[in-house]
Amino acid sequence: MATLNTVLLFLHIFSGASWFGGVLLFGMVVGPTIGDLTPATSGEVVIKMLPKILRYLMIFVGLTPILGLLVVFSAPGGMSALAPTTTYGRFISAGAFLSLVTWGIFFGVAYPTGRKIIAITEEFVKDQKPPPPGLPKLAMRLKISAGIGLVLLIAILVCMVAATS
């Protein structure tokens, strides 16, 4: 059982780090860079990069909490490890709660907004028209949700480290 738990823990950490890295890269590098490009160039970048970023984030955002639960279930004591009577239980439970909030923000706001941005951008690039006036509002919604997600992911990381110390 220890081997299964170790593999699940590795996959959970890898998935969480990929989630964190994807949000960090998008929020601090890709997003700001797109804003500095011409509309035609930024349109091409959005069409080519954003679907891939969203696809990989969807995988890692979906897997991380599931793998976290599997880690808990496969550990000695199972769900009792989440009991708020221990420091470990309090911090792991807090991190799990924050991951569900972050999951909700991604699937409820960021992902649908990103898909809308892609659809709108494909249309205006194909028709060689200027970007529609609603696009900056969607971009700001995506930027804000990515920023909130990043702050929550940092808080989750703090919880996970605090639980093990």
Protein backbone atom coordinates (compact mmCIF):
# COMPACT_ATOMS: atom_id res chain seq x y z
CA MET A 1 0.00 0.00 0.00
CA ALA A 2 2.93 2.33 0.64
CA THR A 3 4.01 2.02 -2.99
CA LEU A 4 0.53 2.91 -4.26
CA ASN A 5 0.40 5.89 -1.90
CA THR A 6 3.83 7.06 -3.08
CA VAL A 7 2.83 6.86 -6.75
CA LEU A 8 -0.44 8.70 -6.06
CA LEU A 9 1.38 11.35 -4.03
CA PHE A 10 3.88 11.86 -6.85
CA LEU A 11 1.07 12.19 -9.41
CA HIS A 12 -0.83 14.58 -7.11
CA ILE A 13 2.23 16.80 -6.62
CA PHE A 14 3.11 16.68 -10.33
CA SER A 15 -0.45 17.57 -11.30
CA GLY A 16 -0.65 20.38 -8.74
CA ALA A 17 2.72 21.79 -9.81
CA SER A 18 1.60 21.68 -13.44
CA TRP A 19 -1.64 23.47 -12.52
CA PHE A 20 0.31 26.11 -10.59
CA GLY A 21 2.93 26.47 -13.33
CA GLY A 22 0.31 26.79 -16.06
CA VAL A 23 -1.56 29.53 -14.22
CA LEU A 24 1.69 31.28 -13.34
CA LEU A 25 2.97 31.16 -16.92
CA PHE A 26 -0.33 32.31 -18.37
CA GLY A 27 -0.98 35.03 -15.80
CA MET A 28 2.52 36.49 -15.70
CA VAL A 29 3.92 35.88 -19.20
CA VAL A 30 1.41 34.91 -21.89
CA GLY A 31 -1.48 37.19 -20.87
CA PRO A 32 0.56 40.39 -20.49
CA THR A 33 2.50 39.65 -23.70
CA ILE A 34 -0.70 39.20 -25.72
CA GLY A 35 -1.85 42.63 -24.56
CA ASP A 36 1.31 44.24 -25.98
CA LEU A 37 0.90 42.76 -29.48
CA THR A 38 -0.99 44.11 -32.46
CA PRO A 39 -4.59 42.82 -32.74
CA ALA A 40 -3.72 40.55 -35.69
CA THR A 41 -0.68 39.07 -33.94
CA SER A 42 -2.42 38.68 -30.60
CA GLY A 43 -5.32 37.02 -32.42
CA GLU A 44 -3.00 34.42 -33.92
CA VAL A 45 -1.33 33.80 -30.57
CA VAL A 46 -4.70 33.38 -28.85
CA ILE A 47 -5.95 30.97 -31.52
CA LYS A 48 -2.80 28.85 -31.40
CA MET A 49 -1.87 28.92 -27.71
CA LEU A 50 -4.99 29.43 -25.59
CA PRO A 51 -6.74 26.17 -26.61
CA LYS A 52 -3.62 24.19 -25.67
CA ILE A 53 -3.17 26.04 -22.39
CA LEU A 54 -6.83 25.52 -21.47
CA ARG A 55 -6.70 21.83 -22.44
CA TYR A 56 -3.68 21.09 -20.25
CA LEU A 57 -4.98 23.18 -17.38
CA MET A 58 -8.31 21.37 -17.60
CA ILE A 59 -6.49 18.05 -17.22
CA PHE A 60 -4.34 19.16 -14.28
CA VAL A 61 -7.10 21.13 -12.54
CA GLY A 62 -9.35 18.10 -12.80
CA LEU A 63 -6.75 15.55 -11.71
CA THR A 64 -5.17 17.34 -8.75
CA PRO A 65 -8.12 17.18 -6.28
CA ILE A 66 -9.04 13.66 -7.40
CA LEU A 67 -5.47 12.46 -6.86
CA GLY A 68 -5.41 14.27 -3.50
CA LEU A 69 -8.46 12.33 -2.37
CA LEU A 70 -6.93 9.08 -3.60
CA VAL A 71 -3.76 9.89 -1.61
CA VAL A 72 -5.88 10.33 1.53
CA PHE A 73 -7.89 7.14 0.93
CA SER A 74 -4.75 5.07 0.27
CA ALA A 75 -2.88 6.38 3.33
CA PRO A 76 -2.99 4.56 6.66
CA GLY A 77 -6.03 5.81 8.54
CA GLY A 78 -7.77 7.03 5.39
CA MET A 79 -10.20 9.90 5.94
CA SER A 80 -9.26 10.16 9.62
CA ALA A 81 -6.13 11.97 8.40
CA LEU A 82 -8.38 14.93 7.59
CA ALA A 83 -9.62 15.24 11.16
CA PRO A 84 -9.32 18.84 12.35
CA THR A 85 -7.90 17.63 15.67
CA THR A 86 -4.37 17.54 14.21
CA THR A 87 -2.26 20.20 12.53
CA TYR A 88 -1.94 17.95 9.49
CA GLY A 89 -5.70 17.48 9.28
CA ARG A 90 -6.45 21.19 9.63
CA PHE A 91 -4.00 22.27 6.94
CA ILE A 92 -4.78 19.45 4.51
CA SER A 93 -8.51 20.12 4.91
CA ALA A 94 -7.99 23.85 4.39
CA GLY A 95 -5.89 23.17 1.29
CA ALA A 96 -8.52 20.75 -0.03
CA PHE A 97 -11.27 23.33 0.51
CA LEU A 98 -9.24 26.04 -1.24
CA SER A 99 -8.52 23.67 -4.13
CA LEU A 100 -12.25 23.11 -4.60
CA VAL A 101 -12.83 26.88 -4.61
CA THR A 102 -10.03 27.28 -7.16
CA TRP A 103 -11.45 24.38 -9.17
CA GLY A 104 -14.82 26.17 -9.22
CA ILE A 105 -13.24 29.42 -10.40
CA PHE A 106 -11.40 27.62 -13.19
CA PHE A 107 -14.33 25.55 -14.48
CA GLY A 108 -16.98 28.18 -13.67
CA VAL A 109 -15.25 31.34 -14.88
CA ALA A 110 -11.78 30.98 -16.43
CA TYR A 111 -12.37 28.03 -18.75
CA PRO A 112 -15.70 29.24 -20.22
CA THR A 113 -14.28 32.77 -20.60
CA GLY A 114 -11.20 31.41 -22.35
CA ARG A 115 -13.39 29.39 -24.74
CA LYS A 116 -15.44 32.53 -25.52
CA ILE A 117 -12.26 34.50 -26.19
CA ILE A 118 -11.04 31.80 -28.57
CA ALA A 119 -14.37 31.70 -30.46
CA ILE A 120 -14.57 35.49 -30.78
CA THR A 121 -10.92 35.76 -31.80
CA GLU A 122 -11.25 33.04 -34.45
CA GLU A 123 -14.19 34.93 -35.92
CA PHE A 124 -12.53 38.36 -36.11
CA VAL A 125 -9.24 36.95 -37.41
CA LYS A 126 -11.03 34.89 -40.10
CA ASP A 127 -13.12 37.88 -41.22
CA GLN A 128 -10.13 40.24 -40.88
CA LYS A 129 -12.19 42.64 -38.78
CA PRO A 130 -11.08 44.65 -35.76
CA PRO A 131 -11.60 42.99 -32.37
CA PRO A 132 -15.15 43.40 -31.06
CA PRO A 133 -15.67 45.84 -28.17
CA GLY A 134 -16.63 43.06 -25.71
CA LEU A 135 -13.30 41.27 -26.03
CA PRO A 136 -11.36 43.45 -23.54
CA LYS A 137 -14.02 42.78 -20.90
CA LEU A 138 -13.65 39.03 -21.41
CA ALA A 139 -9.86 39.35 -21.33
CA MET A 140 -10.10 41.25 -18.03
CA ARG A 141 -12.40 38.56 -16.59
CA LEU A 142 -9.86 35.91 -17.57
CA LYS A 143 -7.01 37.97 -16.10
CA ILE A 144 -8.84 38.50 -12.81
CA SER A 145 -9.86 34.85 -12.49
CA ALA A 146 -6.26 33.77 -13.24
CA GLY A 147 -4.99 36.22 -10.60
CA ILE A 148 -7.44 34.98 -7.98
CA GLY A 149 -6.59 31.40 -8.92
CA LEU A 150 -2.88 32.11 -8.53
CA VAL A 151 -3.36 33.64 -5.07
CA LEU A 152 -5.48 30.65 -4.01
CA LEU A 153 -2.91 28.20 -5.39
CA ILE A 154 -0.20 29.93 -3.34
CA ALA A 155 -2.43 29.61 -0.25
CA ILE A 156 -2.95 25.91 -1.06
CA LEU A 157 0.81 25.41 -1.38
CA VAL A 158 1.31 27.10 2.01
CA CYS A 159 -1.30 24.76 3.53
CA MET A 160 0.32 21.65 2.06
CA VAL A 161 3.79 22.66 3.27
CA ALA A 162 2.48 23.64 6.71
CA ALA A 163 0.70 20.29 7.03
CA THR A 164 3.95 18.39 6.61
CA SER A 165 6.05 20.47 8.97
